[in-house]
PDB file of N, CA and C in Angstrom:
ATOM      1  N   MET A   1     161.962 -47.579 -98.138  1.00  0.00           N
ATOM      2  CA  MET A   1     160.820 -47.716 -98.950  1.00  0.00           C
ATOM      3  C   MET A   1     160.707 -47.063 -99.870  1.00  0.00           C
ATOM      4  N   PRO A   2     159.803 -47.111-100.796  1.00  0.00           N
ATOM      5  CA  PRO A   2     159.801 -45.351-101.219  1.00  0.00           C
ATOM      6  C   PRO A   2     158.389 -45.096-101.509  1.00  0.00           C
ATOM      7  N   LEU A   3     157.842 -44.223-100.873  1.00  0.00           N
ATOM      8  CA  LEU A   3     156.752 -43.845-100.519  1.00  0.00           C
ATOM      9  C   LEU A   3     155.523 -43.480-101.347  1.00  0.00           C
ATOM     10  N   PHE A   4     155.428 -44.323-102.398  1.00  0.00           N
ATOM     11  CA  PHE A   4     154.204 -44.792-103.643  1.00  0.00           C
ATOM     12  C   PHE A   4     153.426 -45.921-103.063  1.00  0.00           C
ATOM     13  N   PRO A   5     154.275 -46.559-102.341  1.00  0.00           N
ATOM     14  CA  PRO A   5     153.892 -48.680-102.063  1.00  0.00           C
ATOM     15  C   PRO A   5     153.191 -48.265-101.022  1.00  0.00           C
ATOM     16  N   LEU A   6     154.318 -47.924-100.429  1.00  0.00           N
ATOM     17  CA  LEU A   6     154.036 -47.148 -99.129  1.00  0.00           C
ATOM     18  C   LEU A   6     152.165 -46.890 -98.615  1.00  0.00           C
ATOM     19  N   LEU A   7     152.371 -46.057 -99.281  1.00  0.00           N
ATOM     20  CA  LEU A   7     151.358 -45.099 -98.669  1.00  0.00           C
ATOM     21  C   LEU A   7     149.959 -46.023 -99.618  1.00  0.00           C
ATOM     22  N   PHE A   8     150.462 -46.784-100.875  1.00  0.00           N
ATOM     23  CA  PHE A   8     149.431 -47.007-101.068  1.00  0.00           C
ATOM     24  C   PHE A   8     148.589 -48.821 -99.931  1.00  0.00           C
ATOM     25  N   PHE A   9     149.544 -49.461 -99.981  1.00  0.00           N
ATOM     26  CA  PHE A   9     149.541 -50.427 -98.561  1.00  0.00           C
ATOM     27  C   PHE A   9     148.530 -49.495 -97.688  1.00  0.00           C
ATOM     28  N   VAL A  10     148.861 -48.827 -97.194  1.00  0.00           N
ATOM     29  CA  VAL A  10     148.784 -47.849 -96.343  1.00  0.00           C
ATOM     30  C   VAL A  10     147.015 -47.707 -96.753  1.00  0.00           C
ATOM     31  N   PHE A  11     146.639 -47.612 -97.470  1.00  0.00           N
ATOM     32  CA  PHE A  11     145.413 -47.199 -97.788  1.00  0.00           C
ATOM     33  C   PHE A  11     144.008 -48.857 -98.371  1.00  0.00           C
ATOM     34  N   THR A  12     145.660 -49.346 -98.953  1.00  0.00           N
ATOM     35  CA  THR A  12     144.473 -51.290 -99.068  1.00  0.00           C
ATOM     36  C   THR A  12     144.775 -51.756 -97.506  1.00  0.00           C
ATOM     37  N   VAL A  13     145.450 -51.414 -96.455  1.00  0.00           N
ATOM     38  CA  VAL A  13     144.429 -51.617 -94.896  1.00  0.00           C
ATOM     39  C   VAL A  13     143.655 -51.191 -94.639  1.00  0.00           C
ATOM     40  N   ILE A  14     143.434 -49.271 -94.527  1.00  0.00           N
ATOM     41  CA  ILE A  14     142.382 -48.601 -93.974  1.00  0.00           C
ATOM     42  C   ILE A  14     141.012 -49.134 -95.280  1.00  0.00           C
ATOM     43  N   GLU A  15     141.266 -49.231 -96.444  1.00  0.00           N
ATOM     44  CA  GLU A  15     140.142 -49.965 -96.968  1.00  0.00           C
ATOM     45  C   GLU A  15     139.960 -51.396 -96.555  1.00  0.00           C
ATOM     46  N   GLU A  16     140.022 -52.607 -96.407  1.00  0.00           N
ATOM     47  CA  GLU A  16     139.630 -53.539 -95.602  1.00  0.00           C
ATOM     48  C   GLU A  16     139.067 -52.963 -94.196  1.00  0.00           C
ATOM     49  N   LEU A  17     139.947 -52.455 -93.149  1.00  0.00           N
ATOM     50  CA  LEU A  17     139.229 -52.129 -92.057  1.00  0.00           C
ATOM     51  C   LEU A  17     137.754 -51.496 -92.104  1.00  0.00           C
ATOM     52  N   ALA A  18     137.938 -50.707 -93.373  1.00  0.00           N
ATOM     53  CA  ALA A  18     136.257 -50.250 -93.855  1.00  0.00           C
ATOM     54  C   ALA A  18     135.382 -51.076 -94.302  1.00  0.00           C
ATOM     55  N   GLN A  19     136.265 -52.437 -94.723  1.00  0.00           N
ATOM     56  CA  GLN A  19     134.835 -53.248 -95.035  1.00  0.00           C
ATOM     57  C   GLN A  19     134.051 -54.143 -94.084  1.00  0.00           C
ATOM     58  N   SER A  20     134.529 -54.214 -93.157  1.00  0.00           N
ATOM     59  CA  SER A  20     134.416 -54.384 -91.354  1.00  0.00           C
ATOM     60  C   SER A  20     133.600 -53.871 -91.184  1.00  0.00           C
ATOM     61  N   LEU A  21     133.329 -53.027 -91.685  1.00  0.00           N
ATOM     62  CA  LEU A  21     132.211 -51.801 -91.205  1.00  0.00           C
ATOM     63  C   LEU A  21     130.533 -52.227 -92.039  1.00  0.00           C
ATOM     64  N   SER A  22     130.845 -52.350 -92.626  1.00  0.00           N
ATOM     65  CA  SER A  22     129.702 -53.496 -93.808  1.00  0.00           C
ATOM     66  C   SER A  22     129.124 -54.300 -93.397  1.00  0.00           C
ATOM     67  N   PRO A  23     127.380 -54.734 -93.457  1.00  0.00           N
ATOM     68  CA  PRO A  23     126.607 -55.318 -93.242  1.00  0.00           C
ATOM     69  C   PRO A  23     127.141 -56.550 -93.796  1.00  0.00           C
ATOM     70  N   ASN A  24     127.297 -56.097 -95.425  1.00  0.00           N
ATOM     71  CA  ASN A  24     127.264 -57.271 -96.310  1.00  0.00           C
ATOM     72  C   ASN A  24     129.219 -57.347 -97.252  1.00  0.00           C
ATOM     73  N   ARG A  25     130.124 -56.923 -96.010  1.00  0.00           N
ATOM     74  CA  ARG A  25     131.329 -57.211 -96.344  1.00  0.00           C
ATOM     75  C   ARG A  25     131.908 -57.395 -95.185  1.00  0.00           C
ATOM     76  N   THR A  26     132.873 -58.740 -95.718  1.00  0.00           N
ATOM     77  CA  THR A  26     134.250 -58.883 -94.153  1.00  0.00           C
ATOM     78  C   THR A  26     135.405 -58.482 -94.335  1.00  0.00           C
ATOM     79  N   PHE A  27     136.533 -58.666 -93.661  1.00  0.00           N
ATOM     80  CA  PHE A  27     138.151 -57.911 -93.626  1.00  0.00           C
ATOM     81  C   PHE A  27     138.328 -59.095 -93.699  1.00  0.00           C
ATOM     82  N   ASP A  28     139.411 -59.535 -94.713  1.00  0.00           N
ATOM     83  CA  ASP A  28     139.870 -61.043 -95.585  1.00  0.00           C
ATOM     84  C   ASP A  28     141.188 -60.759 -95.517  1.00  0.00           C
ATOM     85  N   ILE A  29     142.047 -61.797 -94.616  1.00  0.00           N
ATOM     86  CA  ILE A  29     143.033 -61.513 -94.791  1.00  0.00           C
ATOM     87  C   ILE A  29     144.056 -61.700 -95.477  1.00  0.00           C
ATOM     88  N   GLY A  30     143.460 -62.069 -96.763  1.00  0.00           N
ATOM     89  CA  GLY A  30     143.897 -63.311 -98.003  1.00  0.00           C
ATOM     90  C   GLY A  30     143.420 -61.991 -98.535  1.00  0.00           C
ATOM     91  N   ASP A  31     142.735 -60.917 -98.887  1.00  0.00           N
ATOM     92  CA  ASP A  31     142.219 -59.867 -99.783  1.00  0.00           C
ATOM     93  C   ASP A  31     143.233 -59.649 -99.123  1.00  0.00           C
ATOM     94  N   LEU A  32     144.142 -58.890 -98.068  1.00  0.00           N
ATOM     95  CA  LEU A  32     144.890 -57.981 -97.962  1.00  0.00           C
ATOM     96  C   LEU A  32     146.650 -58.828 -98.268  1.00  0.00           C
ATOM     97  N   VAL A  33     147.008 -59.618 -98.272  1.00  0.00           N
ATOM     98  CA  VAL A  33     147.912 -60.200 -98.325  1.00  0.00           C
ATOM     99  C   VAL A  33     147.979 -60.387-100.044  1.00  0.00           C
ATOM    100  N   ALA A  34     146.943 -60.150-101.227  1.00  0.00           N
ATOM    101  CA  ALA A  34     146.537 -60.641-102.510  1.00  0.00           C
ATOM    102  C   ALA A  34     146.753 -58.791-102.678  1.00  0.00           C
ATOM    103  N   SER A  35     146.168 -58.365-102.006  1.00  0.00           N
ATOM    104  CA  SER A  35     146.960 -56.891-102.254  1.00  0.00           C
ATOM    105  C   SER A  35     148.291 -56.187-102.312  1.00  0.00           C
ATOM    106  N   SER A  36     148.258 -56.647-101.003  1.00  0.00           N
ATOM    107  CA  SER A  36     150.166 -56.109-101.259  1.00  0.00           C
ATOM    108  C   SER A  36     151.041 -57.573-101.734  1.00  0.00           C
ATOM    109  N   PHE A  37     150.968 -58.248-102.189  1.00  0.00           N
ATOM    110  CA  PHE A  37     151.810 -58.568-103.385  1.00  0.00           C
ATOM    111  C   PHE A  37     151.588 -58.001-104.808  1.00  0.00           C
ATOM    112  N   GLY A  38     150.222 -57.370-104.921  1.00  0.00           N
ATOM    113  CA  GLY A  38     150.217 -56.945-106.295  1.00  0.00           C
ATOM    114  C   GLY A  38     151.047 -55.360-106.325  1.00  0.00           C
ATOM    115  N   ILE A  39     150.445 -55.514-104.936  1.00  0.00           N
ATOM    116  CA  ILE A  39     151.712 -53.842-104.975  1.00  0.00           C
ATOM    117  C   ILE A  39     153.763 -53.794-105.040  1.00  0.00           C
ATOM    118  N   MET A  40     153.859 -54.712-104.608  1.00  0.00           N
ATOM    119  CA  MET A  40     155.396 -55.516-104.794  1.00  0.00           C
ATOM    120  C   MET A  40     155.654 -55.494-106.182  1.00  0.00           C
ATOM    121  N   ILE A  41     154.017 -56.377-106.718  1.00  0.00           N
ATOM    122  CA  ILE A  41     155.206 -56.647-108.006  1.00  0.00           C
ATOM    123  C   ILE A  41     155.369 -55.771-108.870  1.00  0.00           C
ATOM    124  N   GLY A  42     153.503 -54.550-108.664  1.00  0.00           N
ATOM    125  CA  GLY A  42     153.497 -53.449-109.466  1.00  0.00           C
ATOM    126  C   GLY A  42     154.983 -52.398-109.504  1.00  0.00           C
ATOM    127  N   TYR A  43     155.078 -52.365-108.609  1.00  0.00           N
ATOM    128  CA  TYR A  43     156.969 -52.106-107.563  1.00  0.00           C
ATOM    129  C   TYR A  43     158.127 -51.943-108.523  1.00  0.00           C
ATOM    130  N   PHE A  44     158.070 -53.344-108.443  1.00  0.00           N
ATOM    131  CA  PHE A  44     159.324 -54.101-109.273  1.00  0.00           C
ATOM    132  C   PHE A  44     159.214 -53.990-110.089  1.00  0.00           C
ATOM    133  N   LEU A  45     158.191 -54.545-110.650  1.00  0.00           N
ATOM    134  CA  LEU A  45     158.024 -54.777-112.877  1.00  0.00           C
ATOM    135  C   LEU A  45     158.545 -52.797-113.310  1.00  0.00           C
ATOM    136  N   ALA A  46     157.920 -51.627-112.377  1.00  0.00           N
ATOM    137  CA  ALA A  46     158.128 -50.924-112.409  1.00  0.00           C
ATOM    138  C   ALA A  46     159.500 -49.706-112.181  1.00  0.00           C
ATOM    139  N   GLU A  47     159.723 -50.379-111.666  1.00  0.00           N
ATOM    140  CA  GLU A  47     161.854 -49.887-111.304  1.00  0.00           C
ATOM    141  C   GLU A  47     162.551 -51.199-112.734  1.00  0.00           C
ATOM    142  N   LYS A  48     161.634 -52.295-113.170  1.00  0.00           N
ATOM    143  CA  LYS A  48     162.191 -53.242-113.514  1.00  0.00           C
ATOM    144  C   LYS A  48     162.428 -52.312-115.961  1.00  0.00           C
ATOM    145  N   LEU A  49     160.711 -52.078-115.711  1.00  0.00           N
ATOM    146  CA  LEU A  49     160.684 -51.340-116.818  1.00  0.00           C
ATOM    147  C   LEU A  49     161.169 -50.111-117.221  1.00  0.00           C
ATOM    148  N   LYS A  50     161.640 -48.907-116.051  1.00  0.00           N
ATOM    149  CA  LYS A  50     161.660 -47.928-116.341  1.00  0.00           C
ATOM    150  C   LYS A  50     162.533 -47.233-117.171  1.00  0.00           C
ATOM    151  N   PRO A  51     162.793 -45.890-117.553  1.00  0.00           N
ATOM    152  CA  PRO A  51     163.310 -46.195-118.921  1.00  0.00           C
ATOM    153  C   PRO A  51     164.585 -45.384-118.378  1.00  0.00           C
ATOM    154  N   ILE A  52     165.818 -45.855-119.049  1.00  0.00           N
ATOM    155  CA  ILE A  52     166.708 -45.693-118.746  1.00  0.00           C
ATOM    156  C   ILE A  52     167.038 -44.110-119.183  1.00  0.00           C
ATOM    157  N   SER A  53     168.249 -43.090-118.699  1.00  0.00           N
ATOM    158  CA  SER A  53     167.913 -41.356-119.211  1.00  0.00           C
ATOM    159  C   SER A  53     169.225 -40.894-118.707  1.00  0.00           C
TER     160      SER A  53
END
């Protein structure tokens, strides 16, 4: 797996876990899944739309 999407996913997990420390926020697995799909779709589109050199 390429480095950027992997690091972005790790950051997303850390962010979701940090939200559980706030009294007004909660950890939500749905947000984590949605973020993961967004990362995958963004990476896929970036690869498909990459200029041919």
